[in-house]
Protein backbone atom coordinates (compact mmCIF):
# COMPACT_ATOMS: atom_id res chain seq x y z
CA MET A 1 -15.43 19.43 -28.62
CA ASP A 2 -13.38 16.61 -30.21
CA ARG A 3 -11.88 13.91 -28.03
CA GLU A 4 -8.27 15.17 -28.29
CA THR A 5 -9.27 18.65 -27.11
CA LEU A 6 -11.35 17.07 -24.35
CA GLY A 7 -8.29 15.17 -23.14
CA ILE A 8 -6.19 18.33 -23.07
CA VAL A 9 -8.88 20.32 -21.24
CA ALA A 10 -9.24 17.55 -18.63
CA PHE A 11 -5.84 18.33 -17.09
CA PRO A 12 -6.48 21.98 -16.12
CA VAL A 13 -9.92 20.94 -14.82
CA LEU A 14 -8.22 18.32 -12.68
CA PHE A 15 -5.64 20.84 -11.43
CA ILE A 16 -8.43 23.25 -10.46
CA MET A 17 -10.14 20.50 -8.46
CA LEU A 18 -6.86 19.71 -6.71
CA ALA A 19 -6.37 23.41 -5.93
CA LEU A 20 -9.83 23.36 -4.34
CA ARG A 21 -8.53 20.54 -2.09
CA VAL A 22 -10.61 17.78 -3.67
CA PRO A 23 -8.83 14.46 -2.87
CA ILE A 24 -6.75 13.30 -5.83
CA GLY A 25 -8.48 9.92 -6.07
CA LEU A 26 -11.95 11.46 -6.14
CA ALA A 27 -10.87 14.17 -8.57
CA MET A 28 -9.50 11.66 -11.08
CA LEU A 29 -12.58 9.47 -10.65
CA VAL A 30 -14.93 12.38 -11.40
CA VAL A 31 -12.95 13.82 -14.33
CA GLY A 32 -12.31 10.39 -15.84
CA SER A 33 -15.94 9.31 -15.54
CA ALA A 34 -17.32 12.59 -16.90
CA GLY A 35 -14.84 12.59 -19.80
CA THR A 36 -15.62 8.99 -20.75
CA ALA A 37 -19.34 9.73 -20.59
CA MET A 38 -18.91 12.71 -22.93
CA ILE A 39 -17.13 10.50 -25.47
CA ALA A 40 -18.91 7.16 -25.22
CA GLY A 41 -21.93 7.69 -22.97
CA TRP A 42 -22.65 6.39 -19.48
CA SER A 43 -22.90 2.68 -20.31
CA PRO A 44 -19.10 2.13 -20.27
CA ILE A 45 -18.95 3.90 -16.89
CA PHE A 46 -21.48 1.54 -15.32
CA SER A 47 -19.60 -1.42 -16.79
CA GLN A 48 -16.30 -0.03 -15.48
CA VAL A 49 -17.72 0.48 -11.98
CA LYS A 50 -18.78 -3.15 -12.00
CA THR A 51 -15.45 -4.59 -13.15
CA SER A 52 -12.60 -2.15 -12.51
CA ALA A 53 -12.64 -2.20 -8.71
CA TRP A 54 -12.60 -6.00 -8.59
CA HIS A 55 -9.98 -6.28 -11.35
CA LEU A 56 -7.74 -3.69 -9.69
CA PHE A 57 -7.99 -4.72 -6.05
CA SER A 58 -7.66 -8.44 -6.79
CA ASN A 59 -4.26 -7.74 -8.36
CA TYR A 60 -1.78 -9.83 -6.37
CA SER A 61 1.01 -7.29 -6.91
CA LEU A 62 -0.94 -4.63 -5.02
CA SER A 63 -0.80 -6.65 -1.80
CA VAL A 64 2.83 -5.59 -1.46
CA ILE A 65 1.73 -2.03 -0.60
CA PRO A 66 -0.10 -2.67 2.72
CA LEU A 67 2.65 -5.11 3.74
CA PHE A 68 5.40 -2.54 3.26
CA LEU A 69 3.24 0.07 5.01
CA LEU A 70 2.77 -2.34 7.92
CA MET A 71 6.52 -2.86 8.11
CA GLY A 72 7.10 0.90 8.17
CA ASN A 73 4.49 1.45 10.88
CA PHE A 74 6.03 -1.27 13.06
CA ALA A 75 9.43 0.36 12.55
CA SER A 76 8.07 3.79 13.51
CA ARG A 77 6.46 2.51 16.72
CA THR A 78 9.40 0.47 17.99
CA GLY A 79 12.05 3.21 18.18
CA MET A 80 14.04 2.05 15.16
CA SER A 81 14.35 5.60 13.87
CA GLU A 82 15.89 6.80 17.13
CA ALA A 83 18.32 3.86 17.24
CA LEU A 84 19.41 4.48 13.65
CA PHE A 85 20.03 8.16 14.34
CA LYS A 86 22.04 7.46 17.50
CA PHE A 87 24.26 4.96 15.70
CA ALA A 88 24.84 7.24 12.70
CA SER A 89 25.52 10.17 15.03
CA SER A 90 28.08 8.12 16.96
CA CYS A 91 29.93 7.44 13.70
CA LEU A 92 29.74 10.91 12.11
CA GLY A 93 28.92 13.36 14.90
CA HIS A 94 32.58 14.25 15.62
CA ARG A 95 32.85 15.86 12.17
CA ARG A 96 31.78 19.41 11.42
CA GLY A 97 28.15 19.11 10.37
CA GLY A 98 28.37 15.45 11.34
CA VAL A 99 25.06 15.24 13.21
CA ALA A 100 23.23 16.60 10.13
CA MET A 101 25.10 13.99 8.07
CA ALA A 102 23.99 11.37 10.59
CA ALA A 103 20.40 12.50 10.09
CA ILE A 104 20.79 11.84 6.36
CA GLY A 105 22.23 8.40 7.06
CA ALA A 106 19.43 7.60 9.49
CA CYS A 107 16.83 8.73 6.94
CA ALA A 108 18.40 6.39 4.38
CA GLY A 109 18.32 3.51 6.86
CA PHE A 110 14.76 4.19 7.94
CA GLY A 111 13.66 4.61 4.32
CA ALA A 112 14.90 1.07 3.71
CA VAL A 113 12.18 -0.29 6.01
CA CYS A 114 9.55 2.38 5.50
CA GLY A 115 9.00 3.14 1.80
CA SER A 116 7.28 6.49 2.36
CA SER A 117 8.96 9.88 2.09
CA LEU A 118 6.46 11.75 4.24
CA ALA A 119 6.61 9.11 6.98
CA THR A 120 10.43 9.16 6.90
CA ALA A 121 10.54 12.95 7.17
CA ALA A 122 7.97 13.08 9.99
CA THR A 123 9.54 10.24 11.99
CA MET A 124 13.15 11.35 11.66
CA GLY A 125 12.15 14.96 12.30
CA LYS A 126 10.81 14.03 15.74
CA VAL A 127 14.03 12.19 16.55
CA ALA A 128 16.79 14.32 15.03
CA LEU A 129 15.49 17.88 15.07
CA PRO A 130 15.66 18.41 18.86
CA GLU A 131 19.23 17.07 18.93
CA LEU A 132 20.34 19.26 16.04
CA ARG A 133 18.89 22.36 17.65
CA ARG A 134 20.36 21.45 21.06
CA LEU A 135 23.84 21.21 19.52
CA GLY A 136 23.51 24.68 17.99
CA TYR A 137 22.92 23.78 14.35
CA SER A 138 21.32 26.58 12.38
CA GLY A 139 17.60 26.36 11.74
CA SER A 140 18.04 26.36 7.98
CA LEU A 141 20.59 23.50 7.95
CA SER A 142 18.68 21.43 10.52
CA THR A 143 15.32 21.62 8.78
CA GLY A 144 16.75 21.57 5.25
CA ALA A 145 18.77 18.40 5.90
CA LEU A 146 15.80 16.58 7.41
CA ALA A 147 13.42 17.66 4.63
CA ALA A 148 15.89 16.47 1.99
CA GLY A 149 16.74 13.31 3.92
CA GLY A 150 13.07 12.41 4.06
CA THR A 151 12.97 12.11 0.28
CA LEU A 152 15.20 9.04 0.56
CA GLY A 153 12.12 7.20 1.82
CA ILE A 154 10.76 6.86 -1.72
CA LEU A 155 14.11 6.37 -3.44
CA ILE A 156 15.84 3.70 -1.39
CA PRO A 157 13.93 0.44 -1.86
CA PRO A 158 11.34 -0.58 -0.90
CA SER A 159 9.38 2.38 -2.27
CA VAL A 160 5.60 2.67 -2.52
CA ILE A 161 5.87 5.10 -5.44
CA LEU A 162 8.21 2.71 -7.27
CA ILE A 163 5.73 -0.13 -6.72
CA ILE A 164 2.93 1.98 -8.21
CA TYR A 165 5.10 2.87 -11.22
CA SER A 166 5.92 -0.81 -11.72
CA ILE A 167 2.24 -1.77 -11.63
CA LEU A 168 1.21 1.03 -14.02
CA THR A 169 3.91 0.12 -16.54
CA GLU A 170 3.83 -3.67 -15.95
CA GLN A 171 7.49 -3.83 -14.94
CA ASN A 172 9.21 -6.27 -12.60
CA ILE A 173 9.13 -4.79 -9.08
CA ALA A 174 12.29 -6.63 -7.98
CA LYS A 175 14.26 -5.22 -10.91
CA MET A 176 12.95 -1.71 -10.22
CA PHE A 177 14.10 -2.03 -6.60
CA LEU A 178 17.53 -3.24 -7.73
CA ALA A 179 17.89 -0.37 -10.20
CA ALA A 180 16.97 2.17 -7.50
CA LEU A 181 19.65 0.98 -5.07
CA VAL A 182 22.67 2.77 -6.58
CA PRO A 183 20.81 6.07 -7.31
CA GLY A 184 19.51 5.94 -3.72
CA LEU A 185 23.00 5.56 -2.30
CA LEU A 186 24.22 8.33 -4.62
CA ALA A 187 21.45 10.55 -3.26
CA ALA A 188 22.49 9.93 0.35
CA GLY A 189 26.15 10.49 -0.51
CA GLY A 190 25.35 13.67 -2.43
CA TYR A 191 23.38 15.07 0.50
CA ILE A 192 26.23 14.33 2.92
CA LEU A 193 28.67 16.04 0.53
CA ALA A 194 26.31 19.05 0.30
CA ILE A 195 26.35 19.35 4.10
CA ALA A 196 30.16 19.10 4.17
CA ILE A 197 30.47 21.95 1.64
CA PHE A 198 27.80 24.04 3.37
CA VAL A 199 29.46 23.91 6.81
CA ARG A 200 32.80 24.84 5.23
CA LEU A 201 31.21 27.93 3.74
CA TYR A 202 29.22 28.72 6.90
CA PRO A 203 31.18 27.27 9.85
CA SER A 204 28.74 28.52 12.49
CA SER A 205 25.83 26.56 10.98
CA GLY A 206 26.97 23.13 12.17
CA HIS A 207 29.29 22.16 15.02
CA ALA A 208 31.14 18.96 15.83
CA ARG A 209 30.41 16.93 18.95
CA GLU A 210 32.73 14.72 20.97
CA ARG A 211 34.08 11.61 19.27
CA VAL A 212 32.44 8.36 20.37
CA SER A 213 34.74 5.40 21.01
CA MET A 214 34.54 2.24 18.93
CA LEU A 215 33.12 0.41 21.95
CA GLY A 216 30.42 3.07 22.24
CA ARG A 217 29.55 2.69 18.57
CA LEU A 218 29.20 -1.06 19.01
CA GLY A 219 26.85 -0.36 21.89
CA TYR A 220 24.62 1.69 19.60
CA PHE A 221 24.90 -0.89 16.82
CA LYS A 222 23.35 -3.59 19.00
CA ASP A 223 20.11 -1.58 18.86
CA ILE A 224 19.96 -1.59 15.05
CA TRP A 225 21.47 -4.92 13.98
CA HIS A 226 17.99 -6.37 13.57
CA VAL A 227 17.04 -3.56 11.15
CA VAL A 228 20.13 -4.28 9.07
CA LEU A 229 19.36 -8.00 9.16
CA ILE A 230 15.72 -7.55 8.09
CA PHE A 231 16.62 -5.19 5.24
CA THR A 232 19.48 -7.36 3.99
CA PHE A 233 17.53 -10.62 4.18
CA MET A 234 14.41 -9.11 2.60
CA LEU A 235 16.12 -7.49 -0.39
CA SER A 236 18.62 -10.32 -0.87
CA GLY A 237 15.76 -12.81 -0.90
CA ILE A 238 13.90 -10.76 -3.51
CA TYR A 239 16.95 -10.27 -5.75
CA LEU A 240 18.16 -13.87 -5.46
CA GLY A 241 14.73 -15.25 -6.25
CA TRP A 242 14.06 -16.85 -2.87
CA PHE A 243 10.69 -15.12 -2.73
CA THR A 244 8.60 -12.62 -4.67
CA PRO A 245 8.43 -8.91 -3.70
CA THR A 246 5.09 -9.58 -1.98
CA GLU A 247 6.57 -12.47 0.00
CA GLY A 248 9.60 -10.30 0.79
CA ALA A 249 7.30 -7.57 2.11
CA ALA A 250 5.57 -10.18 4.27
CA VAL A 251 8.96 -11.30 5.63
CA GLY A 252 9.87 -7.68 6.43
CA ALA A 253 6.53 -7.00 8.10
CA ALA A 254 6.77 -10.21 10.14
CA GLY A 255 10.35 -9.39 11.16
CA THR A 256 9.58 -5.87 12.35
CA GLY A 257 6.41 -7.20 14.00
CA LEU A 258 8.43 -9.74 16.01
CA ILE A 259 10.82 -7.01 17.12
CA ALA A 260 7.81 -4.93 18.22
CA VAL A 261 6.37 -7.82 20.24
CA PHE A 262 9.49 -7.94 22.41
CA LYS A 263 9.47 -4.20 23.09
CA PRO A 264 8.18 -3.56 26.64
CA ASP A 265 6.19 -0.45 25.65
CA PHE A 266 4.48 -2.10 22.67
CA GLY A 267 1.14 -3.48 23.82
CA PHE A 268 -2.19 -4.43 22.31
CA ARG A 269 -3.28 -0.80 21.94
CA ALA A 270 -0.12 0.03 19.98
CA LEU A 271 -0.71 -3.00 17.76
CA MET A 272 -4.25 -1.82 16.99
CA GLU A 273 -2.94 1.67 16.16
CA VAL A 274 -0.38 0.20 13.76
CA ILE A 275 -3.03 -1.91 12.03
CA GLU A 276 -5.47 1.02 11.85
CA SER A 277 -2.84 3.37 10.41
CA THR A 278 -1.86 0.76 7.81
CA ALA A 279 -5.49 0.20 6.84
CA ILE A 280 -6.25 3.92 6.49
CA THR A 281 -3.17 4.64 4.38
CA SER A 282 -3.74 1.55 2.22
CA ALA A 283 -7.37 2.54 1.63
CA MET A 284 -6.28 6.04 0.61
CA ILE A 285 -3.73 4.67 -1.87
CA PHE A 286 -6.21 2.16 -3.29
CA LEU A 287 -8.82 4.89 -3.79
CA VAL A 288 -6.24 6.95 -5.67
CA LEU A 289 -5.41 3.92 -7.83
CA LEU A 290 -9.10 3.36 -8.57
CA GLY A 291 -9.49 7.00 -9.60
CA ALA A 292 -6.40 6.64 -11.79
CA GLU A 293 -7.97 3.57 -13.43
CA PHE A 294 -10.98 5.65 -14.54
CA PHE A 295 -8.84 8.63 -15.56
CA ASN A 296 -6.39 6.46 -17.54
CA ALA A 297 -9.27 4.79 -19.40
CA PHE A 298 -10.53 8.24 -20.36
CA ILE A 299 -7.06 9.33 -21.54
CA ALA A 300 -6.83 6.19 -23.67
CA LEU A 301 -10.18 7.05 -25.27
CA THR A 302 -8.99 10.55 -26.14
CA GLN A 303 -5.94 9.04 -27.93
CA LEU A 304 -3.83 11.77 -26.33
CA PRO A 305 -0.72 9.52 -25.98
CA ILE A 306 -0.91 8.71 -29.70
CA LEU A 307 -1.30 12.40 -30.51
CA LEU A 308 1.73 13.23 -28.38
CA ALA A 309 3.80 10.47 -30.01
CA ASN A 310 2.88 11.71 -33.50
CA PHE A 311 3.83 15.26 -32.51
CA VAL A 312 7.27 14.08 -31.40
CA VAL A 313 7.78 12.04 -34.58
CA ASP A 314 6.68 14.87 -36.84
CA GLY A 315 8.87 17.35 -34.94
CA ASN A 316 11.98 15.15 -35.40
CA PHE A 317 12.89 15.57 -31.74
CA THR A 318 15.73 13.35 -30.53
CA PRO A 319 14.87 10.84 -27.77
CA LEU A 320 17.12 12.54 -25.21
CA VAL A 321 15.51 15.93 -25.89
CA VAL A 322 12.08 14.39 -25.27
CA VAL A 323 13.18 12.86 -21.95
CA ALA A 324 14.85 16.12 -20.91
CA ALA A 325 11.65 18.07 -21.66
CA ILE A 326 9.59 15.57 -19.61
CA LEU A 327 11.99 15.86 -16.66
CA VAL A 328 11.80 19.66 -16.75
CA LEU A 329 8.01 19.40 -16.77
CA TYR A 330 8.21 17.13 -13.72
CA LEU A 331 10.29 19.75 -11.91
CA PHE A 332 7.57 22.30 -12.64
CA LEU A 333 4.77 19.95 -11.55
CA GLY A 334 6.69 19.20 -8.36
CA CYS A 335 6.13 22.81 -7.33
CA LEU A 336 2.37 22.23 -7.43
CA MET A 337 1.56 18.55 -6.79
CA ASP A 338 2.53 15.62 -4.58
CA SER A 339 4.55 12.67 -5.86
CA MET A 340 1.75 10.11 -6.18
CA ALA A 341 -0.46 12.53 -8.12
CA MET A 342 2.37 13.25 -10.56
CA ILE A 343 3.04 9.57 -11.20
CA LEU A 344 -0.60 8.62 -11.68
CA LEU A 345 -1.43 11.59 -13.91
CA THR A 346 1.58 11.61 -16.20
CA ILE A 347 2.84 8.04 -16.61
CA PRO A 348 -0.18 6.90 -18.72
CA VAL A 349 0.61 9.77 -21.12
CA PHE A 350 4.42 9.82 -21.13
CA PHE A 351 5.29 6.13 -20.81
CA PRO A 352 3.78 5.02 -24.16
CA LEU A 353 5.67 7.88 -25.81
CA ILE A 354 8.98 6.89 -24.20
CA MET A 355 8.56 3.29 -25.29
CA THR A 356 8.25 4.35 -28.95
CA LEU A 357 11.67 6.04 -28.90
CA ASP A 358 15.04 4.37 -29.49
CA PHE A 359 17.61 4.92 -26.72
CA GLY A 360 19.86 2.05 -27.74
CA MET A 361 18.52 -0.08 -24.89
CA SER A 362 16.05 -2.94 -24.63
CA PRO A 363 12.42 -1.98 -23.91
CA GLU A 364 12.75 -3.26 -20.33
CA GLU A 365 15.93 -1.27 -19.71
CA THR A 366 14.32 1.85 -21.18
CA ALA A 367 11.31 1.46 -18.89
CA ILE A 368 13.50 0.94 -15.81
CA TRP A 369 15.84 3.84 -16.62
CA PHE A 370 12.94 6.21 -17.27
CA GLY A 371 11.21 5.03 -14.08
CA ILE A 372 14.25 5.77 -11.90
CA LEU A 373 14.72 9.19 -13.50
CA THR A 374 11.04 9.94 -12.92
CA LEU A 375 11.26 8.81 -9.31
CA ILE A 376 14.26 11.04 -8.66
CA VAL A 377 12.62 14.12 -10.18
CA VAL A 378 9.41 13.40 -8.26
CA GLU A 379 11.57 13.19 -5.13
CA VAL A 380 12.99 16.64 -5.92
CA GLY A 381 9.41 17.95 -6.01
CA LEU A 382 9.02 17.06 -2.32
CA ILE A 383 11.47 19.83 -1.37
CA THR A 384 10.74 22.30 -4.17
CA PRO A 385 8.87 25.55 -3.39
CA PRO A 386 6.08 26.54 -3.15
CA VAL A 387 4.61 23.14 -2.15
CA GLY A 388 7.52 21.02 -0.93
CA LEU A 389 5.50 18.74 1.36
CA ASN A 390 8.57 17.53 3.25
CA VAL A 391 9.59 21.11 3.89
CA PHE A 392 6.24 21.95 5.48
CA ILE A 393 6.26 18.77 7.58
CA ILE A 394 9.69 19.53 9.05
CA ASN A 395 9.07 23.26 9.41
CA LYS A 396 5.89 22.60 11.39
CA MET A 397 8.00 20.73 13.94
CA ALA A 398 10.55 23.56 14.18
CA VAL A 399 8.41 26.32 15.63
CA ASP A 400 11.39 28.71 15.89
CA VAL A 401 12.38 28.44 12.21
CA ARG A 402 10.73 30.47 9.47
CA ILE A 403 9.52 28.66 6.37
CA SER A 404 11.75 30.90 4.23
CA ASP A 405 14.79 29.70 6.21
CA THR A 406 13.81 26.08 5.65
CA PHE A 407 13.44 26.59 1.90
CA ARG A 408 16.81 28.34 1.93
CA GLY A 409 18.23 25.34 3.79
CA VAL A 410 17.13 22.87 1.10
CA LEU A 411 18.90 24.78 -1.71
CA PRO A 412 22.24 22.89 -1.38
CA PHE A 413 20.31 19.61 -1.55
CA LEU A 414 18.36 20.77 -4.60
CA ILE A 415 21.67 21.53 -6.32
CA SER A 416 22.86 18.02 -5.41
CA ASP A 417 19.63 16.57 -6.83
CA ILE A 418 19.95 18.45 -10.14
CA ILE A 419 23.56 17.29 -10.56
CA ARG A 420 22.53 13.69 -9.82
CA VAL A 421 19.67 13.82 -12.33
CA ALA A 422 22.06 15.16 -14.98
CA VAL A 423 24.58 12.37 -14.28
CA LEU A 424 21.99 9.56 -14.35
CA PHE A 425 20.40 11.07 -17.46
CA SER A 426 23.75 11.23 -19.27
CA PHE A 427 25.00 7.81 -18.12
CA PRO A 428 22.15 5.26 -18.00
CA VAL A 429 24.67 2.50 -17.22
CA ILE A 430 24.85 3.78 -13.60
CA THR A 431 21.20 2.87 -13.16
CA LEU A 432 21.28 -0.32 -15.21
CA PHE A 433 24.56 -2.03 -14.36
CA LEU A 434 23.11 -3.98 -11.41
CA ILE A 435 20.23 -5.11 -13.63
CA ARG A 436 22.74 -6.32 -16.21
CA LEU A 437 24.90 -7.89 -13.50
CA PHE A 438 21.97 -9.83 -12.00
CA PRO A 439 19.63 -10.45 -14.99
């Protein structure tokens, strides 16, 4: 078997291992090591084991991941999610479908200090789902809105997935965060618009609650002002060059940690649980990155990216057609895989190809634009059947709602996502204008 064929065969083998519930990091480590050994023998593997782990884990940029995870865990344990939902509900709850809209707004706010889609969905589901059901919202709208809202955790910066993309493609993390800001706000706005249209078509699915006075809203705001302050100071400091993304993550973690210290129900045991959860999640991500290091080295040996680039050149495909085909493939993969697996498996193959094409932009702008498009399509995969991890997380909390109803509930949000992808694909300036404004 020649090396190109070996590289192609490696992907279905990897998918089979994932279907057998082998952890993604271990699966990539095994396939990458075995493939490299078949091409170049076992000596490079032993050398890689000796050097890759140290080279990867001593990367200063990677330290931003556990710091953002720590910040998100502090936020989860100190009631920030509940405070955000109450404030958003006080502002929007008097509208038809307003409490579901508030859940979207709270997910966006919590995603700004969390960085994880699954954590955002799980945390906001515990807070918002009982209130939505108590107010008589339909099961499909309640669970669909929360599953879709959870995806904002990886789109609104900071985002763990965006950090991993930046490290894999050697892009500036601060610029990736800045580029994701407008698409993230568009996502939240599109979801709120989808709810507004849905409740007009099906009035019984979402009811309005009593209007809260301005004084009452200010009372709720006093419980979240510190979240707004931390997020604004952290991102402003990163964008204005006051500190690096890693230092910004440390500021955010320290800020949420100080808030936790002054919470009466946050003791030493809670602190240990936060640290343990951060360590476990960080170790899992780092293992996946190590497996990706071995798998990517194998893919480079097979020269599969070069083969793919030559195929595109020989086929005279236009650059936009190539990107469109990749995005459609991501939508398909989203039905089968989680977001991190998609990024780690495909970026080493697709990114070199994208960088050989001419989109009328600088190489950095092309990398950022493609990264945001990829992130958005990966986000869509979190609510796409039959996997839709966010859908299963929320549905597990709603014991009275069938999984089919939840998938039906996410359809309006999927339509919103597809429209947003089409707009950002057709008009790259929407993604890039902040980058150009603050070079």
